[in-house]
Amino acid sequence: PSTWVAVLVPLMFGYMCGDVGHGLVIALAGLVLQRRWPLARLLVFCGVAATAFGFLYGDIFGLEDVLSPLWLRPLDDPLVTLAVPLAGGAVVLTLGLLLNSVQLCWLSSQRMAWLADIAQLCVYWGIILAFYQPALILVSLLGVALCALYKTWVERSGVAALSSLGAMVENTVQLLLNTLSFVRVGAFALAHAGLSSAVFALAEGLSNNAAHLTVMILGNAVIIVLEGLVVSIQATRLVLFEFF
C-alpha cells in the first residue's frame, strides 16, 4: 500500500490547498529542507500537486483574475467541490478492501477469506448506488447472502453466519462514515479559497500600495503555514484511519 499512499497524499493535499503560487512556495521549501530533513521531500510532491490544482481552480496567491480555471472555482461550485472527494473516498476505501483481499489470497490459511471482503463491497456499493437507482439495493442483498453462505460453509454453523452478519452491519456503517470523512477534503478546498479571498479583499481595501503589498505577502504566508500544517494532518488522518 505504500505506493498508493505516495499517490493519495499529494493528491488530497493538492485538492485541499490548490493554488499555483502556494504550491510553488511549498515545493521550493521542500527542495531547500530535504537535505537536512529527508521527509521534507514529500513537500515537493505535495507542492507540485497543489500547483496543478491551482491551475484547475485558476488561483494564484488568491488572485482569481490572473488565470482562467481549467476546471472550476471552488467557491462558485461548492457542491461539486464537496462531491468529488466524496466519490473519491468511496474509491479509496474500495481500493483498501481489494488490497486486503489480495493479501488474504497470499495467506495459505485464509485463501477463501477474500469472499468476506467481496460480500462487504457488494453491501457497501449497493447502498451507495441505491441513492441513484433504488433497484440496485439488490446488490447489497446479494452481499448479505454471500456473507451468510460463506460463514455457514466455512464454520458449519448458523450462529457463525448470524455473527458475521452483525459484524457486516457494523463494518458497513463504519465504511459509510469513513466515506463521509472525505468530504473534509472538499471543505478544506473551500476554506482555502475563502481565506485567499478574504486576504485579497482586505488588501484591496487599502489605498496605500505598500500596505496593500504587505497584507498580500503576510496574508499568503499565514495561509501557506497554517493550511500546510492543517492539510498535512488531515491527509495523514484520512490515510491512517480511513484507508488503512
C-alpha atoms as a PDB file:
ATOM      1  CA  PRO A   1       0.000   0.000   0.000  1.00  0.00           C
ATOM      2  CA  SER A   2       2.955   2.395   0.295  1.00  0.00           C
ATOM      3  CA  THR A   3       2.822   3.031  -3.438  1.00  0.00           C
ATOM      4  CA  TRP A   4      -0.825   4.061  -3.213  1.00  0.00           C
ATOM      5  CA  VAL A   5      -0.114   6.289  -0.210  1.00  0.00           C
ATOM      6  CA  ALA A   6       2.576   8.054  -2.236  1.00  0.00           C
ATOM      7  CA  VAL A   7      -0.146   8.933  -4.749  1.00  0.00           C
ATOM      8  CA  LEU A   8      -3.049   9.594  -2.370  1.00  0.00           C
ATOM      9  CA  VAL A   9      -1.328  12.032  -0.004  1.00  0.00           C
ATOM     10  CA  PRO A  10      -0.146  14.566  -2.633  1.00  0.00           C
ATOM     11  CA  LEU A  11      -3.467  14.216  -4.472  1.00  0.00           C
ATOM     12  CA  MET A  12      -5.519  15.063  -1.369  1.00  0.00           C
ATOM     13  CA  PHE A  13      -3.057  17.774  -0.348  1.00  0.00           C
ATOM     14  CA  GLY A  14      -3.256  19.397  -3.767  1.00  0.00           C
ATOM     15  CA  TYR A  15      -7.063  19.300  -3.806  1.00  0.00           C
ATOM     16  CA  MET A  16      -7.276  20.957  -0.380  1.00  0.00           C
ATOM     17  CA  CYS A  17      -4.534  23.507  -0.972  1.00  0.00           C
ATOM     18  CA  GLY A  18      -4.896  24.247  -4.688  1.00  0.00           C
ATOM     19  CA  ASP A  19      -3.011  27.445  -5.539  1.00  0.00           C
ATOM     20  CA  VAL A  20      -0.286  27.903  -8.122  1.00  0.00           C
ATOM     21  CA  GLY A  21       1.724  30.336  -6.008  1.00  0.00           C
ATOM     22  CA  HIS A  22       1.321  28.495  -2.720  1.00  0.00           C
ATOM     23  CA  GLY A  23       2.177  25.189  -4.378  1.00  0.00           C
ATOM     24  CA  LEU A  24       5.405  26.568  -5.819  1.00  0.00           C
ATOM     25  CA  VAL A  25       6.408  28.005  -2.433  1.00  0.00           C
ATOM     26  CA  ILE A  26       5.739  24.666  -0.710  1.00  0.00           C
ATOM     27  CA  ALA A  27       7.676  22.761  -3.377  1.00  0.00           C
ATOM     28  CA  LEU A  28      10.600  25.180  -3.052  1.00  0.00           C
ATOM     29  CA  ALA A  29      10.552  24.802   0.743  1.00  0.00           C
ATOM     30  CA  GLY A  30      10.697  21.033   0.282  1.00  0.00           C
ATOM     31  CA  LEU A  31      13.691  21.306  -2.020  1.00  0.00           C
ATOM     32  CA  VAL A  32      15.538  23.525   0.460  1.00  0.00           C
ATOM     33  CA  LEU A  33      14.733  21.425   3.552  1.00  0.00           C
ATOM     34  CA  GLN A  34      15.184  17.933   2.117  1.00  0.00           C
ATOM     35  CA  ARG A  35      18.968  17.972   2.568  1.00  0.00           C
ATOM     36  CA  ARG A  36      18.645  18.276   6.355  1.00  0.00           C
ATOM     37  CA  TRP A  37      15.221  16.658   6.701  1.00  0.00           C
ATOM     38  CA  PRO A  38      14.689  13.867   4.138  1.00  0.00           C
ATOM     39  CA  LEU A  39      10.960  13.680   4.934  1.00  0.00           C
ATOM     40  CA  ALA A  40      10.609  17.211   3.541  1.00  0.00           C
ATOM     41  CA  ARG A  41      10.925  15.655   0.091  1.00  0.00           C
ATOM     42  CA  LEU A  42       7.234  14.868   0.430  1.00  0.00           C
ATOM     43  CA  LEU A  43       6.575  18.626   0.416  1.00  0.00           C
ATOM     44  CA  VAL A  44       7.955  18.788  -3.121  1.00  0.00           C
ATOM     45  CA  PHE A  45       5.351  16.361  -4.437  1.00  0.00           C
ATOM     46  CA  CYS A  46       2.579  17.983  -2.389  1.00  0.00           C
ATOM     47  CA  GLY A  47       3.608  21.397  -3.685  1.00  0.00           C
ATOM     48  CA  VAL A  48       3.579  20.193  -7.281  1.00  0.00           C
ATOM     49  CA  ALA A  49       0.105  18.724  -6.736  1.00  0.00           C
ATOM     50  CA  ALA A  50      -1.105  21.999  -5.176  1.00  0.00           C
ATOM     51  CA  THR A  51       0.288  23.875  -8.176  1.00  0.00           C
ATOM     52  CA  ALA A  52      -1.548  21.576 -10.590  1.00  0.00           C
ATOM     53  CA  PHE A  53      -4.835  22.046  -8.742  1.00  0.00           C
ATOM     54  CA  GLY A  54      -4.139  25.770  -8.679  1.00  0.00           C
ATOM     55  CA  PHE A  55      -4.333  25.766 -12.468  1.00  0.00           C
ATOM     56  CA  LEU A  56      -7.553  23.737 -12.282  1.00  0.00           C
ATOM     57  CA  TYR A  57      -9.002  26.309  -9.857  1.00  0.00           C
ATOM     58  CA  GLY A  58      -7.496  29.328 -11.623  1.00  0.00           C
ATOM     59  CA  ASP A  59      -5.957  30.566  -8.366  1.00  0.00           C
ATOM     60  CA  ILE A  60      -2.539  32.125  -7.781  1.00  0.00           C
ATOM     61  CA  PHE A  61      -1.866  33.765  -4.407  1.00  0.00           C
ATOM     62  CA  GLY A  62      -5.603  34.396  -4.091  1.00  0.00           C
ATOM     63  CA  LEU A  63      -5.725  36.374  -7.347  1.00  0.00           C
ATOM     64  CA  GLU A  64      -8.554  34.857  -9.364  1.00  0.00           C
ATOM     65  CA  ASP A  65      -8.448  37.317 -12.270  1.00  0.00           C
ATOM     66  CA  VAL A  66      -4.971  36.282 -13.429  1.00  0.00           C
ATOM     67  CA  LEU A  67      -5.693  32.699 -14.508  1.00  0.00           C
ATOM     68  CA  SER A  68      -8.795  31.165 -16.011  1.00  0.00           C
ATOM     69  CA  PRO A  69      -9.770  27.945 -14.224  1.00  0.00           C
ATOM     70  CA  LEU A  70      -9.231  24.784 -16.223  1.00  0.00           C
ATOM     71  CA  TRP A  71     -11.974  23.094 -14.179  1.00  0.00           C
ATOM     72  CA  LEU A  72     -13.873  25.231 -11.635  1.00  0.00           C
ATOM     73  CA  ARG A  73     -13.551  27.766  -8.869  1.00  0.00           C
ATOM     74  CA  PRO A  74     -14.376  26.073  -5.543  1.00  0.00           C
ATOM     75  CA  LEU A  75     -16.491  28.942  -4.196  1.00  0.00           C
ATOM     76  CA  ASP A  76     -18.515  29.081  -7.421  1.00  0.00           C
ATOM     77  CA  ASP A  77     -19.346  25.345  -7.366  1.00  0.00           C
ATOM     78  CA  PRO A  78     -19.238  24.259  -3.701  1.00  0.00           C
ATOM     79  CA  LEU A  79     -21.432  21.176  -4.179  1.00  0.00           C
ATOM     80  CA  VAL A  80     -19.205  19.793  -6.928  1.00  0.00           C
ATOM     81  CA  THR A  81     -16.134  20.621  -4.834  1.00  0.00           C
ATOM     82  CA  LEU A  82     -17.568  18.532  -1.984  1.00  0.00           C
ATOM     83  CA  ALA A  83     -18.996  15.724  -4.150  1.00  0.00           C
ATOM     84  CA  VAL A  84     -15.774  14.863  -5.992  1.00  0.00           C
ATOM     85  CA  PRO A  85     -13.747  13.890  -2.877  1.00  0.00           C
ATOM     86  CA  LEU A  86     -16.811  12.067  -1.540  1.00  0.00           C
ATOM     87  CA  ALA A  87     -16.824   9.869  -4.647  1.00  0.00           C
ATOM     88  CA  GLY A  88     -13.047   9.626  -4.478  1.00  0.00           C
ATOM     89  CA  GLY A  89     -13.293   8.470  -0.868  1.00  0.00           C
ATOM     90  CA  ALA A  90     -15.562   5.599  -1.901  1.00  0.00           C
ATOM     91  CA  VAL A  91     -12.973   4.561  -4.479  1.00  0.00           C
ATOM     92  CA  VAL A  92     -10.139   4.795  -1.932  1.00  0.00           C
ATOM     93  CA  LEU A  93     -11.994   2.635   0.600  1.00  0.00           C
ATOM     94  CA  THR A  94     -12.819   0.126  -2.120  1.00  0.00           C
ATOM     95  CA  LEU A  95      -9.154   0.001  -3.069  1.00  0.00           C
ATOM     96  CA  GLY A  96      -8.261  -0.684   0.560  1.00  0.00           C
ATOM     97  CA  LEU A  97     -10.688  -3.610   0.745  1.00  0.00           C
ATOM     98  CA  LEU A  98      -9.419  -5.033  -2.544  1.00  0.00           C
ATOM     99  CA  LEU A  99      -5.798  -4.813  -1.377  1.00  0.00           C
ATOM    100  CA  ASN A 100      -6.825  -6.623   1.801  1.00  0.00           C
ATOM    101  CA  SER A 101      -8.449  -9.349  -0.312  1.00  0.00           C
ATOM    102  CA  VAL A 102      -5.287  -9.771  -2.355  1.00  0.00           C
ATOM    103  CA  GLN A 103      -3.271 -10.076   0.853  1.00  0.00           C
ATOM    104  CA  LEU A 104      -5.638 -12.754   2.177  1.00  0.00           C
ATOM    105  CA  CYS A 105      -5.240 -14.707  -1.069  1.00  0.00           C
ATOM    106  CA  TRP A 106      -1.491 -14.862  -0.406  1.00  0.00           C
ATOM    107  CA  LEU A 107      -2.049 -16.409   3.032  1.00  0.00           C
ATOM    108  CA  SER A 108      -2.376 -20.171   2.622  1.00  0.00           C
ATOM    109  CA  SER A 109      -4.578 -20.454   5.717  1.00  0.00           C
ATOM    110  CA  GLN A 110      -7.110 -17.850   4.525  1.00  0.00           C
ATOM    111  CA  ARG A 111      -7.347 -18.350   0.780  1.00  0.00           C
ATOM    112  CA  MET A 112     -11.141 -18.094   0.763  1.00  0.00           C
ATOM    113  CA  ALA A 113     -11.361 -15.258   3.314  1.00  0.00           C
ATOM    114  CA  TRP A 114     -11.446 -12.740   0.453  1.00  0.00           C
ATOM    115  CA  LEU A 115     -15.079 -13.699  -0.107  1.00  0.00           C
ATOM    116  CA  ALA A 116     -15.977 -11.774   3.054  1.00  0.00           C
ATOM    117  CA  ASP A 117     -14.443  -8.594   1.595  1.00  0.00           C
ATOM    118  CA  ILE A 118     -16.244  -9.103  -1.710  1.00  0.00           C
ATOM    119  CA  ALA A 119     -19.532  -9.536   0.170  1.00  0.00           C
ATOM    120  CA  GLN A 120     -18.784  -6.373   2.138  1.00  0.00           C
ATOM    121  CA  LEU A 121     -18.101  -4.451  -1.071  1.00  0.00           C
ATOM    122  CA  CYS A 122     -21.414  -5.624  -2.526  1.00  0.00           C
ATOM    123  CA  VAL A 123     -23.295  -4.328   0.517  1.00  0.00           C
ATOM    124  CA  TYR A 124     -21.338  -1.051   0.551  1.00  0.00           C
ATOM    125  CA  TRP A 125     -21.731  -0.239  -3.136  1.00  0.00           C
ATOM    126  CA  GLY A 126     -25.309  -1.480  -3.211  1.00  0.00           C
ATOM    127  CA  ILE A 127     -26.244   1.148  -0.620  1.00  0.00           C
ATOM    128  CA  ILE A 128     -24.335   3.893  -2.437  1.00  0.00           C
ATOM    129  CA  LEU A 129     -25.785   3.065  -5.858  1.00  0.00           C
ATOM    130  CA  ALA A 130     -29.290   2.784  -4.395  1.00  0.00           C
ATOM    131  CA  PHE A 131     -29.289   6.571  -3.995  1.00  0.00           C
ATOM    132  CA  TYR A 132     -29.162   6.825  -7.799  1.00  0.00           C
ATOM    133  CA  GLN A 133     -31.171   3.725  -8.678  1.00  0.00           C
ATOM    134  CA  PRO A 134     -33.192   2.171  -5.804  1.00  0.00           C
ATOM    135  CA  ALA A 135     -33.360  -1.211  -7.571  1.00  0.00           C
ATOM    136  CA  LEU A 136     -29.585  -1.575  -7.102  1.00  0.00           C
ATOM    137  CA  ILE A 137     -30.147  -2.239  -3.398  1.00  0.00           C
ATOM    138  CA  LEU A 138     -30.386  -5.843  -4.606  1.00  0.00           C
ATOM    139  CA  VAL A 139     -26.587  -5.756  -4.859  1.00  0.00           C
ATOM    140  CA  SER A 140     -26.484  -5.273  -1.082  1.00  0.00           C
ATOM    141  CA  LEU A 141     -28.837  -8.192  -0.556  1.00  0.00           C
ATOM    142  CA  LEU A 142     -26.549 -10.306  -2.732  1.00  0.00           C
ATOM    143  CA  GLY A 143     -23.627  -9.361  -0.472  1.00  0.00           C
ATOM    144  CA  VAL A 144     -25.587 -10.299   2.653  1.00  0.00           C
ATOM    145  CA  ALA A 145     -26.472 -13.689   1.168  1.00  0.00           C
ATOM    146  CA  LEU A 146     -22.876 -14.290   0.063  1.00  0.00           C
ATOM    147  CA  CYS A 147     -21.571 -13.470   3.552  1.00  0.00           C
ATOM    148  CA  ALA A 148     -24.090 -15.771   5.267  1.00  0.00           C
ATOM    149  CA  LEU A 149     -23.408 -18.659   2.882  1.00  0.00           C
ATOM    150  CA  TYR A 150     -19.629 -18.270   3.193  1.00  0.00           C
ATOM    151  CA  LYS A 151     -19.658 -18.346   7.009  1.00  0.00           C
ATOM    152  CA  THR A 152     -22.124 -21.231   7.097  1.00  0.00           C
ATOM    153  CA  TRP A 153     -19.970 -23.218   4.681  1.00  0.00           C
ATOM    154  CA  VAL A 154     -16.668 -22.494   6.458  1.00  0.00           C
ATOM    155  CA  GLU A 155     -17.754 -22.914  10.066  1.00  0.00           C
ATOM    156  CA  ARG A 156     -20.747 -25.198   9.537  1.00  0.00           C
ATOM    157  CA  SER A 157     -22.757 -23.084  11.957  1.00  0.00           C
ATOM    158  CA  GLY A 158     -25.825 -20.909  11.602  1.00  0.00           C
ATOM    159  CA  VAL A 159     -24.774 -18.954  14.681  1.00  0.00           C
ATOM    160  CA  ALA A 160     -21.499 -18.057  12.963  1.00  0.00           C
ATOM    161  CA  ALA A 161     -23.499 -16.788   9.976  1.00  0.00           C
ATOM    162  CA  LEU A 162     -25.616 -14.550  12.214  1.00  0.00           C
ATOM    163  CA  SER A 163     -22.498 -13.282  13.969  1.00  0.00           C
ATOM    164  CA  SER A 164     -20.853 -12.435  10.637  1.00  0.00           C
ATOM    165  CA  LEU A 165     -23.976 -10.549   9.531  1.00  0.00           C
ATOM    166  CA  GLY A 166     -23.815  -8.482  12.715  1.00  0.00           C
ATOM    167  CA  ALA A 167     -20.166  -7.691  12.010  1.00  0.00           C
ATOM    168  CA  MET A 168     -21.093  -6.782   8.433  1.00  0.00           C
ATOM    169  CA  VAL A 169     -23.665  -4.248   9.664  1.00  0.00           C
ATOM    170  CA  GLU A 170     -21.057  -2.655  11.903  1.00  0.00           C
ATOM    171  CA  ASN A 171     -18.431  -2.587   9.125  1.00  0.00           C
ATOM    172  CA  THR A 172     -20.909  -1.127   6.642  1.00  0.00           C
ATOM    173  CA  VAL A 173     -21.810   1.719   8.998  1.00  0.00           C
ATOM    174  CA  GLN A 174     -18.102   2.362   9.568  1.00  0.00           C
ATOM    175  CA  LEU A 175     -17.401   2.376   5.826  1.00  0.00           C
ATOM    176  CA  LEU A 176     -20.232   4.832   5.168  1.00  0.00           C
ATOM    177  CA  LEU A 177     -18.995   7.133   7.948  1.00  0.00           C
ATOM    178  CA  ASN A 178     -15.433   6.888   6.641  1.00  0.00           C
ATOM    179  CA  THR A 179     -16.714   7.802   3.185  1.00  0.00           C
ATOM    180  CA  LEU A 180     -18.333  10.931   4.605  1.00  0.00           C
ATOM    181  CA  SER A 181     -14.986  11.804   6.211  1.00  0.00           C
ATOM    182  CA  PHE A 182     -13.585  12.505   2.761  1.00  0.00           C
ATOM    183  CA  VAL A 183     -15.966  15.453   2.438  1.00  0.00           C
ATOM    184  CA  ARG A 184     -13.441  17.321   4.584  1.00  0.00           C
ATOM    185  CA  VAL A 185     -11.114  17.338   1.544  1.00  0.00           C
ATOM    186  CA  GLY A 186     -13.637  19.468  -0.333  1.00  0.00           C
ATOM    187  CA  ALA A 187     -14.401  21.518   2.788  1.00  0.00           C
ATOM    188  CA  PHE A 188     -10.751  22.484   3.157  1.00  0.00           C
ATOM    189  CA  ALA A 189     -10.599  23.385  -0.540  1.00  0.00           C
ATOM    190  CA  LEU A 190     -13.491  25.786   0.097  1.00  0.00           C
ATOM    191  CA  ALA A 191     -11.810  27.094   3.263  1.00  0.00           C
ATOM    192  CA  HIS A 192      -8.586  27.719   1.345  1.00  0.00           C
ATOM    193  CA  ALA A 193     -10.428  29.653  -1.353  1.00  0.00           C
ATOM    194  CA  GLY A 194     -12.331  31.604   1.318  1.00  0.00           C
ATOM    195  CA  LEU A 195      -9.163  32.590   3.191  1.00  0.00           C
ATOM    196  CA  SER A 196      -7.450  33.657  -0.008  1.00  0.00           C
ATOM    197  CA  SER A 197     -10.469  35.771  -0.985  1.00  0.00           C
ATOM    198  CA  ALA A 198     -10.510  37.347   2.476  1.00  0.00           C
ATOM    199  CA  VAL A 199      -6.847  38.330   2.267  1.00  0.00           C
ATOM    200  CA  PHE A 200      -7.343  39.746  -1.217  1.00  0.00           C
ATOM    201  CA  ALA A 201     -10.439  41.711  -0.136  1.00  0.00           C
ATOM    202  CA  LEU A 202      -8.575  43.098   2.895  1.00  0.00           C
ATOM    203  CA  ALA A 203      -5.657  44.185   0.732  1.00  0.00           C
ATOM    204  CA  GLU A 204      -7.980  45.786  -1.833  1.00  0.00           C
ATOM    205  CA  GLY A 205      -9.467  47.960   0.912  1.00  0.00           C
ATOM    206  CA  LEU A 206      -6.110  49.666   1.462  1.00  0.00           C
ATOM    207  CA  SER A 207      -5.245  52.698  -0.641  1.00  0.00           C
ATOM    208  CA  ASN A 208      -1.548  52.663   0.239  1.00  0.00           C
ATOM    209  CA  ASN A 209       0.417  50.455  -2.174  1.00  0.00           C
ATOM    210  CA  ALA A 210       2.996  49.471   0.438  1.00  0.00           C
ATOM    211  CA  ALA A 211       0.285  48.418   2.895  1.00  0.00           C
ATOM    212  CA  HIS A 212      -1.530  46.547   0.129  1.00  0.00           C
ATOM    213  CA  LEU A 213       1.607  44.598  -0.767  1.00  0.00           C
ATOM    214  CA  THR A 214       2.419  43.917   2.903  1.00  0.00           C
ATOM    215  CA  VAL A 215      -1.045  42.493   3.586  1.00  0.00           C
ATOM    216  CA  MET A 216      -0.870  40.299   0.487  1.00  0.00           C
ATOM    217  CA  ILE A 217       2.554  38.904   1.413  1.00  0.00           C
ATOM    218  CA  LEU A 218       1.832  38.359   5.116  1.00  0.00           C
ATOM    219  CA  GLY A 219      -1.661  37.037   4.443  1.00  0.00           C
ATOM    220  CA  ASN A 220      -0.444  34.466   1.936  1.00  0.00           C
ATOM    221  CA  ALA A 221       2.435  33.485   4.219  1.00  0.00           C
ATOM    222  CA  VAL A 222       0.000  32.800   7.071  1.00  0.00           C
ATOM    223  CA  ILE A 223      -2.251  30.764   4.759  1.00  0.00           C
ATOM    224  CA  ILE A 224       0.677  28.675   3.494  1.00  0.00           C
ATOM    225  CA  VAL A 225       1.950  27.862   7.002  1.00  0.00           C
ATOM    226  CA  LEU A 226      -1.447  27.366   8.646  1.00  0.00           C
ATOM    227  CA  GLU A 227      -3.108  25.419   5.862  1.00  0.00           C
ATOM    228  CA  GLY A 228       0.049  23.489   5.037  1.00  0.00           C
ATOM    229  CA  LEU A 229       0.053  22.166   8.602  1.00  0.00           C
ATOM    230  CA  VAL A 230      -3.702  21.518   8.849  1.00  0.00           C
ATOM    231  CA  VAL A 231      -3.983  19.941   5.397  1.00  0.00           C
ATOM    232  CA  SER A 232      -1.000  17.667   6.095  1.00  0.00           C
ATOM    233  CA  ILE A 233      -2.669  16.482   9.298  1.00  0.00           C
ATOM    234  CA  GLN A 234      -5.972  15.815   7.538  1.00  0.00           C
ATOM    235  CA  ALA A 235      -4.339  13.932   4.656  1.00  0.00           C
ATOM    236  CA  THR A 236      -2.406  11.797   7.153  1.00  0.00           C
ATOM    237  CA  ARG A 237      -5.571  11.120   9.126  1.00  0.00           C
ATOM    238  CA  LEU A 238      -7.535  10.031   6.057  1.00  0.00           C
ATOM    239  CA  VAL A 239      -4.757   7.632   5.056  1.00  0.00           C
ATOM    240  CA  LEU A 240      -4.164   6.153   8.523  1.00  0.00           C
ATOM    241  CA  PHE A 241      -7.756   5.793   9.728  1.00  0.00           C
ATOM    242  CA  GLU A 242      -9.922   5.566   6.617  1.00  0.00           C
ATOM    243  CA  PHE A 243      -7.678   3.914   4.018  1.00  0.00           C
ATOM    244  CA  PHE A 244      -5.651   1.570   6.256  1.00  0.00           C
END
